[in-house]
C-alpha atoms as a PDB file:
ATOM      1  CA  MET A   1       8.815  -3.579 -19.663  1.00  0.00           C
ATOM      2  CA  TYR A   2      11.748  -5.389 -18.169  1.00  0.00           C
ATOM      3  CA  ASP A   3      14.531  -4.264 -15.829  1.00  0.00           C
ATOM      4  CA  ARG A   4      18.210  -5.197 -16.242  1.00  0.00           C
ATOM      5  CA  PHE A   5      17.559  -8.420 -14.297  1.00  0.00           C
ATOM      6  CA  ASN A   6      14.854  -9.481 -16.771  1.00  0.00           C
ATOM      7  CA  ARG A   7      11.993  -8.940 -14.293  1.00  0.00           C
ATOM      8  CA  GLU A   8       8.768  -7.710 -15.897  1.00  0.00           C
ATOM      9  CA  ILE A   9       7.715  -4.470 -14.207  1.00  0.00           C
ATOM     10  CA  ASN A  10       3.937  -4.221 -14.451  1.00  0.00           C
ATOM     11  CA  TYR A  11       2.836  -3.017 -11.011  1.00  0.00           C
ATOM     12  CA  LEU A  12       2.629   0.546  -9.665  1.00  0.00           C
ATOM     13  CA  ARG A  13       1.858   1.347  -6.036  1.00  0.00           C
ATOM     14  CA  ILE A  14       0.596   4.881  -5.526  1.00  0.00           C
ATOM     15  CA  SER A  15       0.825   6.562  -2.090  1.00  0.00           C
ATOM     16  CA  VAL A  16      -1.904   9.248  -2.263  1.00  0.00           C
ATOM     17  CA  THR A  17      -1.132  10.756   1.152  1.00  0.00           C
ATOM     18  CA  ASP A  18       1.245  10.570   4.090  1.00  0.00           C
ATOM     19  CA  ARG A  19      -1.649  11.293   6.503  1.00  0.00           C
ATOM     20  CA  CYS A  20      -3.229   8.542   8.614  1.00  0.00           C
ATOM     21  CA  ASN A  21      -5.949   8.403  11.277  1.00  0.00           C
ATOM     22  CA  LEU A  22      -4.026   5.750  13.258  1.00  0.00           C
ATOM     23  CA  ARG A  23      -0.547   5.842  14.772  1.00  0.00           C
ATOM     24  CA  CYS A  24       0.645   2.224  14.577  1.00  0.00           C
ATOM     25  CA  LEU A  25       3.702   1.525  16.651  1.00  0.00           C
ATOM     26  CA  TYR A  26       5.701  -0.033  13.795  1.00  0.00           C
ATOM     27  CA  CYS A  27       4.737   2.592  11.240  1.00  0.00           C
ATOM     28  CA  MET A  28       4.899   5.984  12.948  1.00  0.00           C
ATOM     29  CA  PRO A  29       7.474   7.194  15.497  1.00  0.00           C
ATOM     30  CA  ALA A  30       6.218   8.083  18.993  1.00  0.00           C
ATOM     31  CA  GLY A  31       7.502  11.623  18.615  1.00  0.00           C
ATOM     32  CA  GLY A  32       5.292  12.312  15.604  1.00  0.00           C
ATOM     33  CA  ILE A  33       6.131  12.946  11.948  1.00  0.00           C
ATOM     34  CA  ARG A  34       6.830  15.830   9.634  1.00  0.00           C
ATOM     35  CA  LEU A  35       3.932  15.917   7.231  1.00  0.00           C
ATOM     36  CA  ILE A  36       4.419  16.834   3.593  1.00  0.00           C
ATOM     37  CA  SER A  37       3.115  20.328   2.856  1.00  0.00           C
ATOM     38  CA  HIS A  38      -0.074  20.422   0.819  1.00  0.00           C
ATOM     39  CA  ASN A  39       1.617  22.270  -2.048  1.00  0.00           C
ATOM     40  CA  GLU A  40       4.054  19.353  -2.484  1.00  0.00           C
ATOM     41  CA  ILE A  41       1.370  16.679  -2.717  1.00  0.00           C
ATOM     42  CA  LEU A  42       0.521  15.556  -6.222  1.00  0.00           C
ATOM     43  CA  SER A  43      -2.960  16.332  -7.475  1.00  0.00           C
ATOM     44  CA  TYR A  44      -5.084  13.400  -8.661  1.00  0.00           C
ATOM     45  CA  GLU A  45      -4.683  14.717 -12.187  1.00  0.00           C
ATOM     46  CA  GLU A  46      -0.860  14.567 -11.851  1.00  0.00           C
ATOM     47  CA  MET A  47      -1.100  11.014 -10.552  1.00  0.00           C
ATOM     48  CA  ILE A  48      -3.295   9.968 -13.477  1.00  0.00           C
ATOM     49  CA  ALA A  49      -0.754  11.501 -15.872  1.00  0.00           C
ATOM     50  CA  VAL A  50       1.904   9.265 -14.251  1.00  0.00           C
ATOM     51  CA  VAL A  51      -0.313   6.210 -14.596  1.00  0.00           C
ATOM     52  CA  LYS A  52      -1.033   6.874 -18.260  1.00  0.00           C
ATOM     53  CA  GLU A  53       2.681   7.188 -19.034  1.00  0.00           C
ATOM     54  CA  ALA A  54       3.392   4.087 -16.928  1.00  0.00           C
ATOM     55  CA  VAL A  55       0.792   2.111 -18.913  1.00  0.00           C
ATOM     56  CA  LYS A  56       2.676   2.931 -22.096  1.00  0.00           C
ATOM     57  CA  LEU A  57       5.742   1.315 -20.517  1.00  0.00           C
ATOM     58  CA  GLY A  58       3.909  -1.832 -19.451  1.00  0.00           C
ATOM     59  CA  ILE A  59       2.149  -1.130 -16.123  1.00  0.00           C
ATOM     60  CA  SER A  60      -1.204  -2.887 -15.907  1.00  0.00           C
ATOM     61  CA  ARG A  61      -1.677  -3.194 -12.119  1.00  0.00           C
ATOM     62  CA  VAL A  62      -2.183  -0.329  -9.685  1.00  0.00           C
ATOM     63  CA  ARG A  63      -2.591  -0.347  -5.897  1.00  0.00           C
ATOM     64  CA  ILE A  64      -3.534   2.748  -3.891  1.00  0.00           C
ATOM     65  CA  THR A  65      -1.844   3.149  -0.544  1.00  0.00           C
ATOM     66  CA  GLY A  66      -1.029   5.868   1.988  1.00  0.00           C
ATOM     67  CA  GLY A  67      -0.656   6.689   4.856  1.00  0.00           C
ATOM     68  CA  GLU A  68      -4.323   5.845   4.954  1.00  0.00           C
ATOM     69  CA  PRO A  69      -5.732   6.486   1.502  1.00  0.00           C
ATOM     70  CA  LEU A  70      -9.319   6.875   2.651  1.00  0.00           C
ATOM     71  CA  VAL A  71      -8.482  10.031   4.619  1.00  0.00           C
ATOM     72  CA  ARG A  72      -7.713  11.899   1.402  1.00  0.00           C
ATOM     73  CA  LYS A  73     -10.594  13.949   0.095  1.00  0.00           C
ATOM     74  CA  GLY A  74     -11.937  12.761  -3.244  1.00  0.00           C
ATOM     75  CA  ILE A  75     -10.475   9.264  -3.046  1.00  0.00           C
ATOM     76  CA  VAL A  76     -13.565   7.667  -4.588  1.00  0.00           C
ATOM     77  CA  GLN A  77     -13.343   9.992  -7.585  1.00  0.00           C
ATOM     78  CA  PHE A  78      -9.660   9.089  -7.938  1.00  0.00           C
ATOM     79  CA  VAL A  79     -10.508   5.398  -8.003  1.00  0.00           C
ATOM     80  CA  GLU A  80     -13.035   6.153 -10.756  1.00  0.00           C
ATOM     81  CA  MET A  81     -10.376   8.068 -12.740  1.00  0.00           C
ATOM     82  CA  LEU A  82      -7.992   5.090 -12.431  1.00  0.00           C
ATOM     83  CA  ALA A  83     -10.649   2.558 -13.347  1.00  0.00           C
ATOM     84  CA  LYS A  84     -11.402   4.512 -16.549  1.00  0.00           C
ATOM     85  CA  THR A  85      -7.758   4.584 -17.530  1.00  0.00           C
ATOM     86  CA  ASP A  86      -7.097   2.319 -20.543  1.00  0.00           C
ATOM     87  CA  GLY A  87      -4.616  -0.408 -19.793  1.00  0.00           C
ATOM     88  CA  ILE A  88      -5.308  -0.796 -16.070  1.00  0.00           C
ATOM     89  CA  LEU A  89      -6.439  -4.386 -15.597  1.00  0.00           C
ATOM     90  CA  ASP A  90      -6.150  -4.709 -11.841  1.00  0.00           C
ATOM     91  CA  LEU A  91      -6.967  -2.026  -9.316  1.00  0.00           C
ATOM     92  CA  GLY A  92      -6.515  -2.541  -5.566  1.00  0.00           C
ATOM     93  CA  LEU A  93      -6.395  -0.525  -2.404  1.00  0.00           C
ATOM     94  CA  THR A  94      -4.775  -1.093   1.012  1.00  0.00           C
ATOM     95  CA  THR A  95      -6.485   0.435   4.032  1.00  0.00           C
ATOM     96  CA  ASN A  96      -6.577   0.187   7.820  1.00  0.00           C
ATOM     97  CA  GLY A  97     -10.295  -0.384   7.405  1.00  0.00           C
ATOM     98  CA  THR A  98     -11.527   2.213   9.933  1.00  0.00           C
ATOM     99  CA  LEU A  99     -13.291   4.318   7.283  1.00  0.00           C
ATOM    100  CA  LEU A 100     -14.265   1.484   4.957  1.00  0.00           C
ATOM    101  CA  ALA A 101     -17.817   1.152   6.175  1.00  0.00           C
ATOM    102  CA  LYS A 102     -18.418   4.632   4.797  1.00  0.00           C
ATOM    103  CA  TYR A 103     -16.687   4.098   1.454  1.00  0.00           C
ATOM    104  CA  ALA A 104     -16.861   0.416   0.457  1.00  0.00           C
ATOM    105  CA  LYS A 105     -20.014   0.574  -1.649  1.00  0.00           C
ATOM    106  CA  ASP A 106     -18.936   3.758  -3.511  1.00  0.00           C
ATOM    107  CA  LEU A 107     -15.426   2.313  -4.103  1.00  0.00           C
ATOM    108  CA  VAL A 108     -16.908  -0.689  -5.852  1.00  0.00           C
ATOM    109  CA  LYS A 109     -19.203   1.503  -7.941  1.00  0.00           C
ATOM    110  CA  ALA A 110     -16.150   3.583  -8.910  1.00  0.00           C
ATOM    111  CA  GLY A 111     -14.383   0.474 -10.156  1.00  0.00           C
ATOM    112  CA  LEU A 112     -12.186  -0.867  -7.373  1.00  0.00           C
ATOM    113  CA  HIS A 113     -11.360  -4.565  -7.898  1.00  0.00           C
ATOM    114  CA  ARG A 114      -9.655  -5.686  -4.692  1.00  0.00           C
ATOM    115  CA  ILE A 115      -8.949  -4.572  -1.132  1.00  0.00           C
ATOM    116  CA  ASN A 116      -6.428  -5.403   1.605  1.00  0.00           C
ATOM    117  CA  ILE A 117      -7.251  -4.524   5.188  1.00  0.00           C
ATOM    118  CA  SER A 118      -4.655  -4.279   7.959  1.00  0.00           C
ATOM    119  CA  LEU A 119      -5.429  -6.213  11.120  1.00  0.00           C
ATOM    120  CA  ASP A 120      -2.688  -7.354  13.470  1.00  0.00           C
ATOM    121  CA  THR A 121      -4.846  -8.628  16.343  1.00  0.00           C
ATOM    122  CA  VAL A 122      -8.490  -9.307  17.076  1.00  0.00           C
ATOM    123  CA  ASP A 123      -8.112  -8.278  20.704  1.00  0.00           C
ATOM    124  CA  ARG A 124      -9.667  -4.863  21.361  1.00  0.00           C
ATOM    125  CA  ASP A 125      -7.209  -3.730  23.963  1.00  0.00           C
ATOM    126  CA  LYS A 126      -4.163  -4.871  21.986  1.00  0.00           C
ATOM    127  CA  PHE A 127      -5.483  -3.213  18.862  1.00  0.00           C
ATOM    128  CA  SER A 128      -5.907   0.064  20.720  1.00  0.00           C
ATOM    129  CA  GLN A 129      -2.368  -0.237  22.050  1.00  0.00           C
ATOM    130  CA  ILE A 130      -0.814  -1.089  18.648  1.00  0.00           C
ATOM    131  CA  THR A 131      -2.659   1.714  16.861  1.00  0.00           C
ATOM    132  CA  ARG A 132      -2.326   4.186  19.728  1.00  0.00           C
ATOM    133  CA  GLY A 133      -6.055   4.578  20.310  1.00  0.00           C
ATOM    134  CA  GLY A 134      -7.814   2.927  17.352  1.00  0.00           C
ATOM    135  CA  ASN A 135     -11.215   1.274  17.671  1.00  0.00           C
ATOM    136  CA  ILE A 136     -11.229  -2.302  16.312  1.00  0.00           C
ATOM    137  CA  ASP A 137     -14.998  -2.253  15.870  1.00  0.00           C
ATOM    138  CA  ASP A 138     -14.513   0.254  13.063  1.00  0.00           C
ATOM    139  CA  VAL A 139     -12.325  -2.272  11.251  1.00  0.00           C
ATOM    140  CA  PHE A 140     -14.812  -5.085  11.796  1.00  0.00           C
ATOM    141  CA  GLU A 141     -17.552  -2.884  10.327  1.00  0.00           C
ATOM    142  CA  GLY A 142     -15.284  -2.070   7.406  1.00  0.00           C
ATOM    143  CA  ILE A 143     -14.626  -5.742   6.707  1.00  0.00           C
ATOM    144  CA  ASP A 144     -18.344  -6.493   6.733  1.00  0.00           C
ATOM    145  CA  ALA A 145     -18.995  -3.560   4.387  1.00  0.00           C
ATOM    146  CA  ALA A 146     -16.298  -4.732   1.970  1.00  0.00           C
ATOM    147  CA  LYS A 147     -17.812  -8.216   1.828  1.00  0.00           C
ATOM    148  CA  LYS A 148     -21.333  -6.891   1.296  1.00  0.00           C
ATOM    149  CA  ALA A 149     -20.065  -4.536  -1.440  1.00  0.00           C
ATOM    150  CA  GLY A 150     -18.517  -7.471  -3.305  1.00  0.00           C
ATOM    151  CA  LEU A 151     -14.824  -6.746  -2.708  1.00  0.00           C
ATOM    152  CA  THR A 152     -14.103 -10.406  -2.330  1.00  0.00           C
ATOM    153  CA  PRO A 153     -12.000 -12.169  -1.470  1.00  0.00           C
ATOM    154  CA  VAL A 154     -11.156  -9.603   1.240  1.00  0.00           C
ATOM    155  CA  LYS A 155      -7.485  -9.954   2.142  1.00  0.00           C
ATOM    156  CA  ILE A 156      -6.239  -9.280   5.656  1.00  0.00           C
ATOM    157  CA  ASN A 157      -2.721  -8.020   6.198  1.00  0.00           C
ATOM    158  CA  CYS A 158      -1.362  -9.114   9.568  1.00  0.00           C
ATOM    159  CA  VAL A 159       2.060  -7.866  10.736  1.00  0.00           C
ATOM    160  CA  VAL A 160       3.961 -10.363  12.845  1.00  0.00           C
ATOM    161  CA  ARG A 161       7.191 -10.014  14.810  1.00  0.00           C
ATOM    162  CA  ASN A 162       8.635 -13.431  14.196  1.00  0.00           C
ATOM    163  CA  SER A 163       6.143 -15.862  12.705  1.00  0.00           C
ATOM    164  CA  SER A 164       2.476 -16.470  11.919  1.00  0.00           C
ATOM    165  CA  SER A 165       2.320 -18.959  14.824  1.00  0.00           C
ATOM    166  CA  GLU A 166       2.363 -16.099  17.345  1.00  0.00           C
ATOM    167  CA  PRO A 167      -0.818 -15.939  19.497  1.00  0.00           C
ATOM    168  CA  ASP A 168      -2.228 -12.744  17.912  1.00  0.00           C
ATOM    169  CA  ALA A 169      -1.473 -13.988  14.374  1.00  0.00           C
ATOM    170  CA  ALA A 170      -3.048 -17.361  15.147  1.00  0.00           C
ATOM    171  CA  GLU A 171      -6.187 -15.602  16.341  1.00  0.00           C
ATOM    172  CA  VAL A 172      -6.253 -13.491  13.197  1.00  0.00           C
ATOM    173  CA  ARG A 173      -5.929 -16.628  11.073  1.00  0.00           C
ATOM    174  CA  ASP A 174      -8.837 -18.232  12.946  1.00  0.00           C
ATOM    175  CA  PHE A 175     -10.915 -15.069  12.548  1.00  0.00           C
ATOM    176  CA  CYS A 176     -10.253 -15.064   8.800  1.00  0.00           C
ATOM    177  CA  ARG A 177     -11.120 -18.746   8.481  1.00  0.00           C
ATOM    178  CA  LYS A 178     -14.485 -18.218  10.236  1.00  0.00           C
ATOM    179  CA  ASN A 179     -15.338 -15.107   8.208  1.00  0.00           C
ATOM    180  CA  ASP A 180     -14.273 -16.216   4.740  1.00  0.00           C
ATOM    181  CA  LEU A 181     -11.244 -13.863   4.567  1.00  0.00           C
ATOM    182  CA  GLU A 182      -7.759 -14.430   3.185  1.00  0.00           C
ATOM    183  CA  ALA A 183      -4.986 -13.950   5.717  1.00  0.00           C
ATOM    184  CA  ARG A 184      -1.506 -12.670   4.706  1.00  0.00           C
ATOM    185  CA  PHE A 185       1.257 -12.459   7.244  1.00  0.00           C
ATOM    186  CA  ILE A 186       3.876  -9.738   6.845  1.00  0.00           C
ATOM    187  CA  HIS A 187       7.008  -9.897   8.963  1.00  0.00           C
ATOM    188  CA  GLU A 188       7.663  -6.585  10.672  1.00  0.00           C
ATOM    189  CA  MET A 189      10.126  -4.666   8.522  1.00  0.00           C
ATOM    190  CA  ASN A 190      12.845  -2.118   9.260  1.00  0.00           C
ATOM    191  CA  LEU A 191      13.688   0.190   6.344  1.00  0.00           C
ATOM    192  CA  GLU A 192      16.909   1.492   7.879  1.00  0.00           C
ATOM    193  CA  THR A 193      18.426  -1.906   8.628  1.00  0.00           C
ATOM    194  CA  GLY A 194      17.000  -3.631   5.578  1.00  0.00           C
ATOM    195  CA  CYS A 195      15.091  -6.178   7.584  1.00  0.00           C
ATOM    196  CA  PHE A 196      12.292  -7.891   5.546  1.00  0.00           C
ATOM    197  CA  ALA A 197      11.093 -11.357   4.645  1.00  0.00           C
ATOM    198  CA  LEU A 198       8.731 -13.153   2.309  1.00  0.00           C
ATOM    199  CA  VAL A 199       5.060 -12.407   2.884  1.00  0.00           C
ATOM    200  CA  GLU A 200       3.243 -15.589   3.901  1.00  0.00           C
ATOM    201  CA  ASN A 201       0.353 -16.268   1.484  1.00  0.00           C
ATOM    202  CA  GLY A 202       1.384 -13.245  -0.598  1.00  0.00           C
ATOM    203  CA  ASP A 203       3.980 -12.253  -3.187  1.00  0.00           C
ATOM    204  CA  GLY A 204       5.785  -9.419  -1.351  1.00  0.00           C
ATOM    205  CA  GLY A 205       9.328  -9.597  -0.124  1.00  0.00           C
ATOM    206  CA  ASN A 206      10.619 -11.740  -2.994  1.00  0.00           C
ATOM    207  CA  CYS A 207      13.294  -9.661  -4.782  1.00  0.00           C
ATOM    208  CA  VAL A 208      13.780 -12.278  -7.480  1.00  0.00           C
ATOM    209  CA  LYS A 209      10.210 -11.755  -8.674  1.00  0.00           C
ATOM    210  CA  CYS A 210       9.691  -8.108  -7.764  1.00  0.00           C
ATOM    211  CA  ASN A 211       7.569  -6.388 -10.396  1.00  0.00           C
ATOM    212  CA  ARG A 212       6.962  -3.066  -8.606  1.00  0.00           C
ATOM    213  CA  LEU A 213       7.542   0.617  -8.843  1.00  0.00           C
ATOM    214  CA  ARG A 214       6.292   3.134  -6.276  1.00  0.00           C
ATOM    215  CA  LEU A 215       4.950   6.682  -6.686  1.00  0.00           C
ATOM    216  CA  THR A 216       5.105   8.757  -3.507  1.00  0.00           C
ATOM    217  CA  ALA A 217       2.507  11.360  -2.671  1.00  0.00           C
ATOM    218  CA  ASN A 218       4.957  14.163  -3.475  1.00  0.00           C
ATOM    219  CA  GLY A 219       6.023  12.882  -6.876  1.00  0.00           C
ATOM    220  CA  TRP A 220       9.016  10.557  -6.507  1.00  0.00           C
ATOM    221  CA  ILE A 221       9.269   7.294  -8.392  1.00  0.00           C
ATOM    222  CA  LYS A 222      11.010   4.629  -6.278  1.00  0.00           C
ATOM    223  CA  PRO A 223      12.289   1.409  -7.831  1.00  0.00           C
ATOM    224  CA  CYS A 224      12.679  -0.409  -4.520  1.00  0.00           C
ATOM    225  CA  LEU A 225      11.201  -0.138  -1.031  1.00  0.00           C
ATOM    226  CA  PHE A 226      14.562  -0.988   0.591  1.00  0.00           C
ATOM    227  CA  ASN A 227      16.699   1.501  -1.351  1.00  0.00           C
ATOM    228  CA  ASP A 228      17.316   5.235  -1.228  1.00  0.00           C
ATOM    229  CA  LEU A 229      16.956   5.650  -5.010  1.00  0.00           C
ATOM    230  CA  ALA A 230      14.133   7.966  -6.087  1.00  0.00           C
ATOM    231  CA  PHE A 231      13.421  10.068  -9.177  1.00  0.00           C
ATOM    232  CA  SER A 232      11.265  13.158  -9.154  1.00  0.00           C
ATOM    233  CA  ILE A 233       8.671  13.469 -11.894  1.00  0.00           C
ATOM    234  CA  ARG A 234       8.874  17.223 -11.438  1.00  0.00           C
ATOM    235  CA  GLU A 235      12.635  17.299 -12.008  1.00  0.00           C
ATOM    236  CA  TYR A 236      12.955  14.720 -14.736  1.00  0.00           C
ATOM    237  CA  GLY A 237       9.504  14.630 -16.244  1.00  0.00           C
ATOM    238  CA  ILE A 238       7.201  11.619 -15.887  1.00  0.00           C
ATOM    239  CA  ARG A 239       8.559   9.343 -18.579  1.00  0.00           C
ATOM    240  CA  GLU A 240      12.216   9.968 -17.784  1.00  0.00           C
ATOM    241  CA  ALA A 241      11.653   9.422 -14.053  1.00  0.00           C
ATOM    242  CA  LEU A 242       9.906   6.126 -14.785  1.00  0.00           C
ATOM    243  CA  LEU A 243      12.662   4.976 -17.125  1.00  0.00           C
ATOM    244  CA  LYS A 244      15.386   5.903 -14.662  1.00  0.00           C
ATOM    245  CA  ALA A 245      13.618   3.958 -11.953  1.00  0.00           C
ATOM    246  CA  ILE A 246      13.307   0.880 -14.110  1.00  0.00           C
ATOM    247  CA  GLU A 247      16.901   1.081 -15.336  1.00  0.00           C
ATOM    248  CA  SER A 248      18.267   1.496 -11.786  1.00  0.00           C
ATOM    249  CA  LYS A 249      16.049  -1.020 -10.006  1.00  0.00           C
ATOM    250  CA  PRO A 250      18.472  -3.041  -7.829  1.00  0.00           C
ATOM    251  CA  GLU A 251      18.685  -6.800  -7.835  1.00  0.00           C
ATOM    252  CA  LYS A 252      17.925  -6.905  -4.146  1.00  0.00           C
ATOM    253  CA  GLY A 253      16.714  -4.470  -1.505  1.00  0.00           C
ATOM    254  CA  LEU A 254      19.310  -3.524   1.107  1.00  0.00           C
ATOM    255  CA  ALA A 255      18.253  -0.474   3.208  1.00  0.00           C
ATOM    256  CA  ASN A 256      16.308   2.772   3.005  1.00  0.00           C
ATOM    257  CA  THR A 257      17.538   5.588   5.217  1.00  0.00           C
ATOM    258  CA  ASN A 258      15.400   8.344   3.673  1.00  0.00           C
ATOM    259  CA  ASP A 259      11.795   7.196   4.139  1.00  0.00           C
ATOM    260  CA  LEU A 260       9.252   6.049   6.710  1.00  0.00           C
ATOM    261  CA  PHE A 261       6.413   3.570   6.102  1.00  0.00           C
ATOM    262  CA  HIS A 262       3.694   6.165   6.562  1.00  0.00           C
ATOM    263  CA  PHE A 263       5.205   8.083   3.643  1.00  0.00           C
ATOM    264  CA  ILE A 264       6.169   5.399   1.179  1.00  0.00           C
ATOM    265  CA  GLY A 265       3.170   3.138   1.564  1.00  0.00           C
ATOM    266  CA  GLY A 266       4.858  -0.205   2.258  1.00  0.00           C
END
């Protein structure tokens, strides 16, 4: 399927939860967040229904996000449900890595193809500061588990303030080189001001080639990360919400004043 700017839309990012076991400085406000009530969150069956309808319209790639997707109960079973859905050719997941040692092997057995792990520094103290108390050793164990389970190449998402030449980013690059990992550098974004840039060594941030739709955990289809547009599958029905999102997808992202990263999944 193509939008009005002749971009082929074939990629759906699914935020399965707004919960996370870390509190990263650039993702969650210091004062805390208002969590979505459990009765608003889509069931896995509802998400699969969206995916099946999206496949009919041309979606062939799916990425699971959060919050932190591995904190949601039954996530391995959801991966298996997605992997068994006809038409899905590429299935990935983005995680902070802290729970990956527990789930990596089962995720591969369920049918996961690829994984991205967030890591902004390899310094233990800085990691704890950035994540407000996280343990970097959990991430290192998760990376090792992903490699042993065959989720290769493991991609590392590193958020930078200005450039990938910053000291922490340079150390992450060196860590990736030594451990046969692929480093991607994501410039720190601001939804409200519309501040974003091209992802280094990745395909994000390029509006000209954007091929994505997003499904939020509470059932909204968003055509653009940096836009307030959203269409409820409960209000419009799944197919109509998808079509409205495709038809209204903007040429370029500008700003998003309604969402936070923990909710929309980046």
